[in-house]
Amino acid sequence: MPPGFSERPSPGPGPSATSAPTAPDTASAAAGPPTSVPSQAPAVPPPPTGPAPISTAEPLGARGDLGAPPPPTAPPRPAHVPPPPTAPTVHAAGTAAPPTVNDPPAAAGAPSAPAAPSSQVRATPERAPGADGAPRSRADFGPEPGHPPTVPALPVPALPGPPPATSLDLKDYVGSGPPTYDSEPTALPPADPDELDDLVADTVLDGARYGTCALRAVSVRGDSARYRGEPRRDSLLTARFGTGDHALILVAMATGARATPGAHRAAAEACQWIGRAVGRSHVRLAEDIRAARRGDLKSGLHRLTDRSLGRLRASAAEQGLAPEEYAATLRCLLLPADPECRTRVFFGVGGGGLFRLRGGVWRDIEPRVGEVAGEPVVGFGSPPAETPEGDRLTMDLGVATPPSPYDPAPEPPREPFRFRASVARPGDTLLMCTGGFADPLRGEPDLSAHLTGRWSGPTPPGLAAFLADTQVRVKGYADDRTAAAVWEA
């Protein structure tokens, strides 16, 4: 038998497992372990009729099943650790308290602390043993309920840059009422398993920073196309040619013809052809921009644009389509990476918009071509009143001359070439966009006012904020939106 333990008595009436030890037993235990095991169990008083009282001075677990007194010295650690209690202990007053802790026995010769009244004893939460078998401290379990943390909360430092946009600044739509279609994508376009490269993403987002300008570009499928499951007809291309200060950034956007099956392919091809043409001539173009050779730039870019759109018409002929069925508008922006050069060059063919935000005021700087002021007058742009033989022309029946079978069919009238080169000022915001975004910006004053408040800050918005700004909807405008904005530092 281990020292400090006695033999289990025979079954039958005997001492209660919860009764307190008698004084002679305590004295004998203090004298040391017995030299021999008695053949009979010592006589003990009969067990009480009621439940045995629980002493608050004696730790729970010190009394075993045998009712023997605790040994004076620390016994060897038992191999079996009792499981933690599953329910809290109820005090005499009726309040639940956490389970008590199995404290280690006191060393031999140490004075025992006086027993405190049950009303003043405070139980502590049980600490599960750690990996090394030692009891865990209170810090492992965190602060007690009802007590404040010992470490105060530290203030969050302010991050550099513009303050984050609040829910009041972000808007879903402007104007007289909500748009007809849903604001989120609904249906996906149909896909061909053999033509997966032909799929177009719903949204394209890009950005960069070179020299003194920061670029944000986005292309979003319109609400009507999202509802009908049609692909995005707009295409966006952002590319950098060259390195260092001699690099040239190209932003190209195109819109395919409406109600044609291959509109998205025509727009993508237009951006690719103009990208290849500019990339092969980027060294000469960058020199002309830095030297402000406006005439050379206009003639050279006009030639590159005609060549790119000519390849698009040739592709339509290869597919057996009419030129107007496989056509696209094209708008481009050239930005030099040299911080000493603030010249921004725009060129393209077709409708859209070019705007500048300066001093909190939007200005439409779209280059206009072919403007005629006033009505035609006699002798200026109108046919003569009579022929050289003296016959007066009194009526023009408007009979068209039939085309000759030997002459090629006339091509549809082409859109005029547009060109503009301007010098940016610090704080300007230049916006180039397709008709899907230019039309609501011109037709709804609330949209321009909203963008003025959002884009007039000293720093450009992030990509996510720029996407949210360009997605502000206006009732009656549900086409694809493609826009590129440049903030000048």
Protein backbone atom coordinates (compact mmCIF):
# COMPACT_ATOMS: atom_id res chain seq x y z
CA MET A 1 0.00 0.00 0.00
CA PRO A 2 1.31 3.51 -0.70
CA PRO A 3 2.16 5.48 2.43
CA GLY A 4 -0.80 7.35 3.81
CA PHE A 5 -3.50 4.95 2.54
CA SER A 6 -5.30 2.24 4.53
CA GLU A 7 -6.93 -0.97 3.47
CA ARG A 8 -10.48 -0.80 2.12
CA PRO A 9 -12.93 -2.18 4.74
CA SER A 10 -15.23 -5.07 3.98
CA PRO A 11 -18.68 -4.29 2.54
CA GLY A 12 -21.36 -3.53 5.02
CA PRO A 13 -22.22 -0.82 7.50
CA GLY A 14 -19.20 1.34 7.91
CA PRO A 15 -17.98 4.91 7.90
CA SER A 16 -19.37 7.37 5.41
CA ALA A 17 -17.08 8.34 2.57
CA THR A 18 -17.81 11.97 3.25
CA SER A 19 -17.53 11.96 7.06
CA ALA A 20 -14.73 13.98 8.66
CA PRO A 21 -11.81 12.10 10.23
CA THR A 22 -11.72 11.70 14.00
CA ALA A 23 -9.11 13.24 16.23
CA PRO A 24 -7.26 9.97 17.03
CA ASP A 25 -7.00 9.19 13.34
CA THR A 26 -5.60 12.63 12.62
CA ALA A 27 -3.04 12.31 15.37
CA SER A 28 -1.91 8.91 14.19
CA ALA A 29 -1.62 10.18 10.66
CA ALA A 30 0.53 13.08 11.79
CA ALA A 31 2.90 10.66 13.57
CA GLY A 32 3.75 8.95 10.29
CA PRO A 33 2.72 6.00 8.21
CA PRO A 34 1.83 2.81 10.13
CA THR A 35 4.40 0.05 10.29
CA SER A 36 1.87 -2.70 9.81
CA VAL A 37 -1.58 -2.94 8.36
CA PRO A 38 -4.20 -3.82 11.04
CA SER A 39 -6.38 -6.80 10.35
CA GLN A 40 -9.55 -4.92 11.24
CA ALA A 41 -10.72 -1.48 10.29
CA PRO A 42 -10.65 1.03 13.17
CA ALA A 43 -13.92 1.67 14.89
CA VAL A 44 -15.65 4.78 13.67
CA PRO A 45 -18.91 6.38 14.80
CA PRO A 46 -22.04 5.46 12.87
CA PRO A 47 -22.80 7.52 9.77
CA PRO A 48 -25.18 10.44 10.20
CA THR A 49 -28.69 10.15 8.90
CA GLY A 50 -28.55 13.32 6.74
CA PRO A 51 -26.12 14.32 4.01
CA ALA A 52 -22.55 14.85 5.12
CA PRO A 53 -21.54 18.50 5.49
CA ILE A 54 -19.05 19.88 2.95
CA SER A 55 -16.22 21.82 4.52
CA THR A 56 -15.08 24.87 2.63
CA ALA A 57 -11.65 24.74 4.28
CA GLU A 58 -10.88 21.31 2.82
CA PRO A 59 -10.22 21.33 -0.92
CA LEU A 60 -12.42 19.20 -3.14
CA GLY A 61 -10.69 15.93 -4.00
CA ALA A 62 -8.56 15.72 -0.83
CA ARG A 63 -10.94 13.13 0.62
CA GLY A 64 -10.87 9.88 -1.29
CA ASP A 65 -13.37 7.08 -1.40
CA LEU A 66 -11.78 5.51 1.69
CA GLY A 67 -12.40 8.45 4.00
CA ALA A 68 -8.73 8.49 5.07
CA PRO A 69 -7.09 11.72 6.25
CA PRO A 70 -4.69 13.52 3.91
CA PRO A 71 -1.03 12.53 4.30
CA PRO A 72 1.41 15.00 5.83
CA THR A 73 3.80 14.78 2.89
CA ALA A 74 3.13 15.24 -0.81
CA PRO A 75 2.11 11.84 -2.17
CA PRO A 76 3.14 10.69 -5.64
CA ARG A 77 1.07 12.07 -8.44
CA PRO A 78 -1.83 9.71 -9.25
CA ALA A 79 -1.97 8.31 -12.74
CA HIS A 80 -5.65 9.10 -13.12
CA VAL A 81 -6.76 12.74 -13.15
CA PRO A 82 -10.45 13.12 -12.42
CA PRO A 83 -12.44 14.81 -15.21
CA PRO A 84 -13.49 18.41 -14.68
CA PRO A 85 -16.97 18.93 -13.25
CA THR A 86 -19.74 19.47 -15.76
CA ALA A 87 -22.03 21.63 -13.64
CA PRO A 88 -21.34 24.51 -11.25
CA THR A 89 -21.61 24.00 -7.50
CA VAL A 90 -24.59 25.62 -5.79
CA HIS A 91 -23.91 27.53 -2.56
CA ALA A 92 -26.21 27.51 0.38
CA ALA A 93 -27.50 30.96 -0.63
CA GLY A 94 -28.74 29.54 -3.97
CA THR A 95 -26.22 31.27 -6.29
CA ALA A 96 -24.20 29.29 -8.78
CA ALA A 97 -20.43 29.45 -8.41
CA PRO A 98 -17.67 28.14 -10.64
CA PRO A 99 -16.14 24.78 -9.71
CA THR A 100 -13.27 24.81 -7.27
CA VAL A 101 -9.63 24.05 -8.04
CA ASN A 102 -7.67 20.98 -7.05
CA ASP A 103 -4.93 22.79 -5.13
CA PRO A 104 -1.79 20.78 -4.31
CA PRO A 105 -1.51 19.55 -0.69
CA ALA A 106 0.50 21.62 1.70
CA ALA A 107 4.05 20.59 2.48
CA ALA A 108 4.90 18.84 5.72
CA GLY A 109 5.24 21.17 8.67
CA ALA A 110 3.54 24.10 6.95
CA PRO A 111 0.92 25.78 9.17
CA SER A 112 -2.58 25.29 7.93
CA ALA A 113 -4.64 28.36 7.16
CA PRO A 114 -7.69 28.93 9.29
CA ALA A 115 -10.95 27.90 7.77
CA ALA A 116 -12.92 30.81 6.36
CA PRO A 117 -16.69 31.00 6.62
CA SER A 118 -18.58 29.61 3.67
CA SER A 119 -20.06 33.04 2.91
CA GLN A 120 -16.58 34.57 2.38
CA VAL A 121 -14.98 31.78 0.35
CA ARG A 122 -14.76 32.60 -3.36
CA ALA A 123 -14.35 29.75 -5.80
CA THR A 124 -12.03 30.17 -8.75
CA PRO A 125 -12.53 28.70 -12.23
CA GLU A 126 -10.94 25.33 -12.79
CA ARG A 127 -7.69 25.35 -14.67
CA ALA A 128 -7.10 22.45 -17.02
CA PRO A 129 -3.54 21.08 -16.87
CA GLY A 130 -1.20 22.12 -19.65
CA ALA A 131 0.97 19.97 -21.87
CA ASP A 132 3.58 19.53 -19.09
CA GLY A 133 0.96 18.56 -16.50
CA ALA A 134 1.22 21.84 -14.54
CA PRO A 135 -1.92 23.80 -13.75
CA ARG A 136 -2.59 26.70 -16.12
CA SER A 137 -2.78 30.24 -14.80
CA ARG A 138 -5.73 32.60 -14.92
CA ALA A 139 -4.14 34.53 -17.79
CA ASP A 140 -4.63 31.51 -20.06
CA PHE A 141 -8.39 31.84 -19.77
CA GLY A 142 -8.72 35.60 -20.34
CA PRO A 143 -10.39 38.18 -18.10
CA GLU A 144 -13.20 37.13 -15.81
CA PRO A 145 -16.75 38.03 -16.77
CA GLY A 146 -17.76 41.46 -15.61
CA HIS A 147 -14.19 42.79 -15.31
CA PRO A 148 -12.73 45.34 -17.77
CA PRO A 149 -9.63 44.34 -19.78
CA THR A 150 -6.29 45.24 -18.27
CA VAL A 151 -4.94 46.66 -21.59
CA PRO A 152 -6.86 49.76 -22.79
CA ALA A 153 -7.95 49.98 -26.42
CA LEU A 154 -5.47 51.88 -28.58
CA PRO A 155 -6.68 54.50 -31.08
CA VAL A 156 -6.48 53.52 -34.77
CA PRO A 157 -3.99 55.78 -36.58
CA ALA A 158 -5.24 57.70 -39.61
CA LEU A 159 -4.08 56.31 -42.94
CA PRO A 160 -2.57 58.62 -45.57
CA GLY A 161 -4.63 59.57 -48.58
CA PRO A 162 -8.21 60.70 -49.12
CA PRO A 163 -10.82 59.72 -46.55
CA PRO A 164 -12.87 56.65 -47.43
CA ALA A 165 -16.16 57.28 -49.17
CA THR A 166 -19.21 56.97 -46.97
CA SER A 167 -22.53 55.48 -47.86
CA LEU A 168 -23.91 58.98 -48.36
CA ASP A 169 -21.35 59.73 -51.10
CA LEU A 170 -21.95 56.53 -53.07
CA LYS A 171 -25.10 56.50 -55.19
CA ASP A 172 -26.78 53.84 -57.25
CA TYR A 173 -28.59 56.22 -59.60
CA VAL A 174 -29.29 59.91 -60.17
CA GLY A 175 -32.14 61.66 -61.87
CA SER A 176 -35.91 61.56 -61.58
CA GLY A 177 -36.25 57.89 -60.64
CA PRO A 178 -34.64 54.45 -60.58
CA PRO A 179 -33.74 52.84 -63.91
CA THR A 180 -35.81 50.04 -65.37
CA TYR A 181 -33.20 47.29 -65.26
CA ASP A 182 -31.43 45.70 -62.31
CA SER A 183 -28.11 47.18 -61.25
CA GLU A 184 -26.31 43.82 -61.13
CA PRO A 185 -25.61 41.31 -63.92
CA THR A 186 -28.51 38.95 -64.56
CA ALA A 187 -27.85 36.65 -67.55
CA LEU A 188 -24.60 35.47 -69.09
CA PRO A 189 -24.07 35.56 -72.86
CA PRO A 190 -24.32 32.23 -74.70
CA ALA A 191 -21.04 30.34 -75.07
CA ASP A 192 -19.75 28.06 -77.82
CA PRO A 193 -17.53 25.22 -76.52
CA ASP A 194 -15.30 25.58 -79.60
CA GLU A 195 -15.08 29.38 -79.39
CA LEU A 196 -14.35 30.07 -75.72
CA ASP A 197 -11.83 32.76 -76.66
CA ASP A 198 -14.75 34.76 -78.00
CA LEU A 199 -16.23 35.30 -74.52
CA VAL A 200 -16.14 38.84 -73.14
CA ALA A 201 -16.03 39.63 -69.43
CA ASP A 202 -18.79 41.75 -67.92
CA THR A 203 -16.35 44.32 -66.46
CA VAL A 204 -12.74 45.27 -67.22
CA LEU A 205 -10.84 47.53 -64.80
CA ASP A 206 -7.30 48.88 -65.11
CA GLY A 207 -5.08 51.69 -63.86
CA ALA A 208 -1.53 53.05 -63.78
CA ARG A 209 0.63 56.00 -62.70
CA TYR A 210 3.35 57.52 -64.88
CA GLY A 211 5.07 60.86 -64.66
CA THR A 212 2.63 63.45 -63.32
CA CYS A 213 -0.59 61.64 -64.25
CA ALA A 214 -2.63 58.80 -62.78
CA LEU A 215 -4.81 56.70 -65.09
CA ARG A 216 -8.07 54.90 -64.31
CA ALA A 217 -9.88 52.94 -67.04
CA VAL A 218 -13.02 50.79 -66.96
CA SER A 219 -15.42 49.08 -69.37
CA VAL A 220 -18.78 47.84 -68.02
CA ARG A 221 -21.60 45.98 -69.76
CA GLY A 222 -24.81 47.99 -69.97
CA ASP A 223 -27.95 47.24 -67.98
CA SER A 224 -29.92 46.21 -71.07
CA ALA A 225 -27.19 43.79 -72.22
CA ARG A 226 -26.99 42.32 -68.72
CA TYR A 227 -30.73 41.72 -68.71
CA ARG A 228 -30.86 40.15 -72.18
CA GLY A 229 -27.68 38.09 -71.81
CA GLU A 230 -25.84 39.88 -74.63
CA PRO A 231 -22.05 40.34 -74.70
CA ARG A 232 -20.44 43.69 -74.02
CA ARG A 233 -20.04 45.59 -77.32
CA ASP A 234 -17.36 47.90 -75.92
CA SER A 235 -13.69 46.95 -75.90
CA LEU A 236 -10.87 48.52 -73.87
CA LEU A 237 -7.10 48.36 -74.41
CA THR A 238 -4.41 49.89 -72.16
CA ALA A 239 -0.79 49.37 -73.21
CA ARG A 240 2.66 50.83 -72.57
CA PHE A 241 5.28 50.93 -75.32
CA GLY A 242 8.90 51.65 -74.44
CA THR A 243 10.65 52.13 -71.10
CA GLY A 244 11.64 54.99 -68.85
CA ASP A 245 10.79 58.58 -69.72
CA HIS A 246 10.56 57.67 -73.42
CA ALA A 247 7.62 55.31 -72.86
CA LEU A 248 4.23 56.02 -74.41
CA ILE A 249 0.92 54.92 -72.87
CA LEU A 250 -2.00 54.14 -75.19
CA VAL A 251 -5.64 53.92 -74.10
CA ALA A 252 -7.93 52.70 -76.88
CA MET A 253 -11.66 52.02 -76.69
CA ALA A 254 -14.06 50.90 -79.40
CA THR A 255 -17.80 50.23 -79.71
CA GLY A 256 -19.23 47.69 -82.15
CA ALA A 257 -22.24 48.38 -84.34
CA ARG A 258 -25.60 47.98 -82.64
CA ALA A 259 -27.79 44.92 -83.34
CA THR A 260 -25.05 42.96 -85.09
CA PRO A 261 -23.94 39.48 -83.97
CA GLY A 262 -20.18 40.16 -84.13
CA ALA A 263 -20.16 43.65 -82.62
CA HIS A 264 -17.88 42.66 -79.72
CA ARG A 265 -15.39 41.01 -82.10
CA ALA A 266 -15.26 44.08 -84.35
CA ALA A 267 -14.56 46.33 -81.36
CA ALA A 268 -11.80 44.04 -80.11
CA GLU A 269 -10.16 43.89 -83.55
CA ALA A 270 -10.25 47.68 -83.89
CA CYS A 271 -8.39 48.08 -80.58
CA GLN A 272 -5.84 45.43 -81.52
CA TRP A 273 -5.10 46.93 -84.95
CA ILE A 274 -4.60 50.45 -83.62
CA GLY A 275 -2.51 49.08 -80.76
CA ARG A 276 -0.16 47.34 -83.19
CA ALA A 277 0.11 50.43 -85.38
CA VAL A 278 0.92 52.75 -82.46
CA GLY A 279 3.31 50.25 -80.89
CA ARG A 280 5.39 50.00 -84.04
CA SER A 281 5.63 53.79 -84.35
CA HIS A 282 5.79 54.73 -80.65
CA VAL A 283 9.35 56.12 -80.83
CA ARG A 284 8.48 58.64 -83.55
CA LEU A 285 5.16 59.50 -81.90
CA ALA A 286 6.81 60.14 -78.52
CA GLU A 287 9.36 62.47 -80.13
CA ASP A 288 6.63 64.41 -81.96
CA ILE A 289 4.64 64.81 -78.74
CA ARG A 290 7.61 66.12 -76.76
CA ALA A 291 8.56 68.48 -79.63
CA ALA A 292 4.91 69.66 -80.03
CA ARG A 293 4.79 68.84 -83.75
CA ARG A 294 1.03 69.12 -84.03
CA GLY A 295 0.82 68.85 -87.82
CA ASP A 296 2.99 65.74 -87.99
CA LEU A 297 1.01 64.12 -85.19
CA LYS A 298 -2.34 64.76 -86.84
CA SER A 299 -1.33 63.45 -90.26
CA GLY A 300 0.50 60.42 -88.85
CA LEU A 301 -2.30 59.38 -86.49
CA HIS A 302 -4.89 59.91 -89.22
CA ARG A 303 -2.97 57.53 -91.47
CA LEU A 304 -2.66 54.90 -88.70
CA THR A 305 -6.38 55.14 -87.93
CA ASP A 306 -7.44 54.73 -91.55
CA ARG A 307 -5.16 51.76 -91.93
CA SER A 308 -6.59 50.05 -88.85
CA LEU A 309 -10.21 50.61 -89.85
CA GLY A 310 -9.37 49.51 -93.39
CA ARG A 311 -8.23 46.15 -92.01
CA LEU A 312 -11.53 45.94 -90.19
CA ARG A 313 -13.42 46.40 -93.46
CA ALA A 314 -11.25 43.77 -95.08
CA SER A 315 -12.10 41.36 -92.28
CA ALA A 316 -15.80 42.02 -92.91
CA ALA A 317 -15.35 41.15 -96.59
CA GLU A 318 -13.62 37.88 -95.65
CA GLN A 319 -16.59 36.92 -93.49
CA GLY A 320 -19.07 37.82 -96.22
CA LEU A 321 -20.55 40.72 -94.25
CA ALA A 322 -21.37 44.24 -95.29
CA PRO A 323 -18.94 46.92 -94.07
CA GLU A 324 -21.57 48.50 -91.82
CA GLU A 325 -22.32 45.12 -90.21
CA TYR A 326 -18.74 44.72 -89.01
CA ALA A 327 -17.72 48.22 -88.00
CA ALA A 328 -16.76 50.03 -84.81
CA THR A 329 -16.07 53.49 -83.49
CA LEU A 330 -12.55 54.10 -82.21
CA ARG A 331 -11.24 56.59 -79.64
CA CYS A 332 -7.64 56.76 -78.41
CA LEU A 333 -5.54 58.73 -75.93
CA LEU A 334 -1.73 59.04 -75.92
CA LEU A 335 0.05 59.87 -72.65
CA PRO A 336 3.84 60.35 -72.56
CA ALA A 337 5.60 58.97 -69.47
CA ASP A 338 8.04 61.92 -69.39
CA PRO A 339 7.16 64.00 -66.27
CA GLU A 340 8.38 67.16 -68.06
CA CYS A 341 5.83 66.73 -70.86
CA ARG A 342 2.16 67.43 -70.09
CA THR A 343 0.84 67.16 -73.66
CA ARG A 344 -2.18 64.87 -73.99
CA VAL A 345 -3.18 63.73 -77.48
CA PHE A 346 -6.66 62.50 -78.41
CA PHE A 347 -7.64 61.04 -81.80
CA GLY A 348 -10.33 58.75 -83.15
CA VAL A 349 -13.33 58.17 -85.37
CA GLY A 350 -16.93 58.01 -84.24
CA GLY A 351 -19.12 59.33 -81.45
CA GLY A 352 -18.28 59.57 -77.79
CA GLY A 353 -17.09 62.25 -75.41
CA LEU A 354 -13.99 64.13 -74.31
CA PHE A 355 -14.38 66.23 -71.15
CA ARG A 356 -12.13 68.17 -68.83
CA LEU A 357 -12.77 68.97 -65.17
CA ARG A 358 -10.93 72.13 -64.15
CA GLY A 359 -11.71 74.24 -61.09
CA GLY A 360 -14.84 72.22 -60.31
CA VAL A 361 -16.40 72.87 -63.75
CA TRP A 362 -16.87 70.34 -66.55
CA ARG A 363 -16.12 71.44 -70.11
CA ASP A 364 -16.93 69.49 -73.27
CA ILE A 365 -13.75 69.64 -75.38
CA GLU A 366 -14.82 67.06 -77.99
CA PRO A 367 -13.31 68.26 -81.31
CA ARG A 368 -16.07 69.09 -83.77
CA VAL A 369 -15.62 68.63 -87.51
CA GLY A 370 -17.71 69.62 -90.50
CA GLU A 371 -19.62 72.40 -88.77
CA VAL A 372 -21.57 74.68 -91.12
CA ALA A 373 -22.97 77.92 -89.74
CA GLY A 374 -26.01 79.45 -91.39
CA GLU A 375 -27.95 78.54 -94.54
CA PRO A 376 -26.38 78.36 -98.01
CA VAL A 377 -26.76 81.51 -100.14
CA VAL A 378 -26.71 82.06 -103.88
CA GLY A 379 -23.21 82.12 -105.25
CA PHE A 380 -21.75 80.47 -102.17
CA GLY A 381 -22.04 76.69 -102.10
CA SER A 382 -25.17 76.50 -104.28
CA PRO A 383 -25.51 75.69 -108.01
CA PRO A 384 -25.74 78.64 -110.45
CA ALA A 385 -29.14 80.00 -111.39
CA GLU A 386 -28.66 79.26 -115.15
CA THR A 387 -26.44 77.29 -117.46
CA PRO A 388 -23.73 78.92 -119.60
CA GLU A 389 -26.11 78.63 -122.60
CA GLY A 390 -28.70 80.71 -120.79
CA ASP A 391 -31.12 77.98 -119.81
CA ARG A 392 -32.56 78.53 -116.40
CA LEU A 393 -32.80 75.55 -114.05
CA THR A 394 -36.30 75.65 -112.61
CA MET A 395 -36.67 72.11 -111.24
CA ASP A 396 -34.43 69.33 -110.00
CA LEU A 397 -36.27 66.04 -110.23
CA GLY A 398 -33.64 64.33 -108.05
CA VAL A 399 -33.29 61.33 -110.38
CA ALA A 400 -30.14 59.50 -109.39
CA THR A 401 -27.79 58.25 -112.10
CA PRO A 402 -27.76 54.44 -112.14
CA PRO A 403 -24.42 53.01 -111.09
CA SER A 404 -22.22 51.61 -113.78
CA PRO A 405 -21.74 47.84 -113.69
CA TYR A 406 -18.03 48.36 -114.15
CA ASP A 407 -17.58 50.68 -111.19
CA PRO A 408 -17.26 49.28 -107.66
CA ALA A 409 -20.17 49.79 -105.31
CA PRO A 410 -19.88 53.02 -103.36
CA GLU A 411 -18.81 52.64 -99.76
CA PRO A 412 -20.94 54.04 -96.97
CA PRO A 413 -19.92 57.49 -95.77
CA ARG A 414 -17.12 57.34 -93.27
CA GLU A 415 -16.96 59.12 -89.95
CA PRO A 416 -14.61 62.12 -89.91
CA PHE A 417 -11.28 61.90 -88.14
CA ARG A 418 -11.07 63.74 -84.82
CA PHE A 419 -7.84 65.07 -83.31
CA ARG A 420 -6.96 67.26 -80.35
CA ALA A 421 -3.65 67.98 -78.61
CA SER A 422 -3.76 70.03 -75.40
CA VAL A 423 -1.49 70.86 -72.49
CA ALA A 424 -2.76 69.74 -69.10
CA ARG A 425 -2.54 71.85 -65.95
CA PRO A 426 -1.96 70.61 -62.41
CA GLY A 427 -5.27 69.59 -60.88
CA ASP A 428 -7.02 68.83 -64.19
CA THR A 429 -9.03 65.68 -64.81
CA LEU A 430 -9.32 64.54 -68.43
CA LEU A 431 -12.13 62.09 -69.25
CA MET A 432 -12.44 60.13 -72.52
CA CYS A 433 -15.47 57.85 -72.89
CA THR A 434 -17.73 56.12 -75.38
CA GLY A 435 -21.28 57.20 -76.16
CA GLY A 436 -22.73 54.99 -73.42
CA PHE A 437 -21.20 57.26 -70.77
CA ALA A 438 -20.97 60.54 -72.70
CA ASP A 439 -24.71 60.70 -73.44
CA PRO A 440 -25.89 60.57 -69.79
CA LEU A 441 -23.09 62.93 -68.77
CA ARG A 442 -24.38 65.49 -71.27
CA GLY A 443 -28.07 64.81 -70.65
CA GLU A 444 -28.27 64.55 -66.86
CA PRO A 445 -26.86 67.47 -64.82
CA ASP A 446 -27.05 65.46 -61.59
CA LEU A 447 -24.51 62.98 -62.91
CA SER A 448 -21.94 65.65 -63.76
CA ALA A 449 -22.53 67.30 -60.37
CA HIS A 450 -22.03 63.98 -58.60
CA LEU A 451 -18.78 63.27 -60.43
CA THR A 452 -17.58 66.80 -59.72
CA GLY A 453 -17.82 66.18 -55.99
CA ARG A 454 -16.19 62.78 -56.27
CA TRP A 455 -13.30 63.64 -58.60
CA SER A 456 -12.31 67.12 -57.44
CA GLY A 457 -10.05 65.88 -54.62
CA PRO A 458 -6.28 66.22 -54.58
CA THR A 459 -5.78 62.50 -55.17
CA PRO A 460 -7.44 60.19 -57.70
CA PRO A 461 -9.90 57.55 -56.49
CA GLY A 462 -8.94 53.92 -56.22
CA LEU A 463 -9.94 51.34 -58.78
CA ALA A 464 -12.97 50.16 -56.79
CA ALA A 465 -14.15 53.73 -56.15
CA PHE A 466 -13.69 54.65 -59.83
CA LEU A 467 -15.73 51.63 -60.85
CA ALA A 468 -18.52 52.64 -58.46
CA ASP A 469 -18.51 56.21 -59.81
CA THR A 470 -18.81 55.13 -63.44
CA GLN A 471 -21.65 52.74 -62.57
CA VAL A 472 -23.99 55.48 -61.28
CA ARG A 473 -27.02 54.88 -63.46
CA VAL A 474 -29.45 57.26 -65.12
CA LYS A 475 -32.92 56.30 -66.26
CA GLY A 476 -33.12 56.00 -70.05
CA TYR A 477 -29.38 55.23 -70.54
CA ALA A 478 -28.63 51.50 -70.49
CA ASP A 479 -25.76 51.07 -73.01
CA ASP A 480 -22.26 49.82 -72.31
CA ARG A 481 -19.98 52.29 -70.55
CA THR A 482 -16.27 52.64 -71.22
CA ALA A 483 -14.30 55.51 -69.70
CA ALA A 484 -10.68 56.50 -69.06
CA ALA A 485 -9.82 59.37 -66.71
CA VAL A 486 -6.42 61.02 -66.17
CA TRP A 487 -5.66 62.98 -62.99
CA GLU A 488 -2.84 65.53 -63.19
CA ALA A 489 -0.68 65.88 -60.08
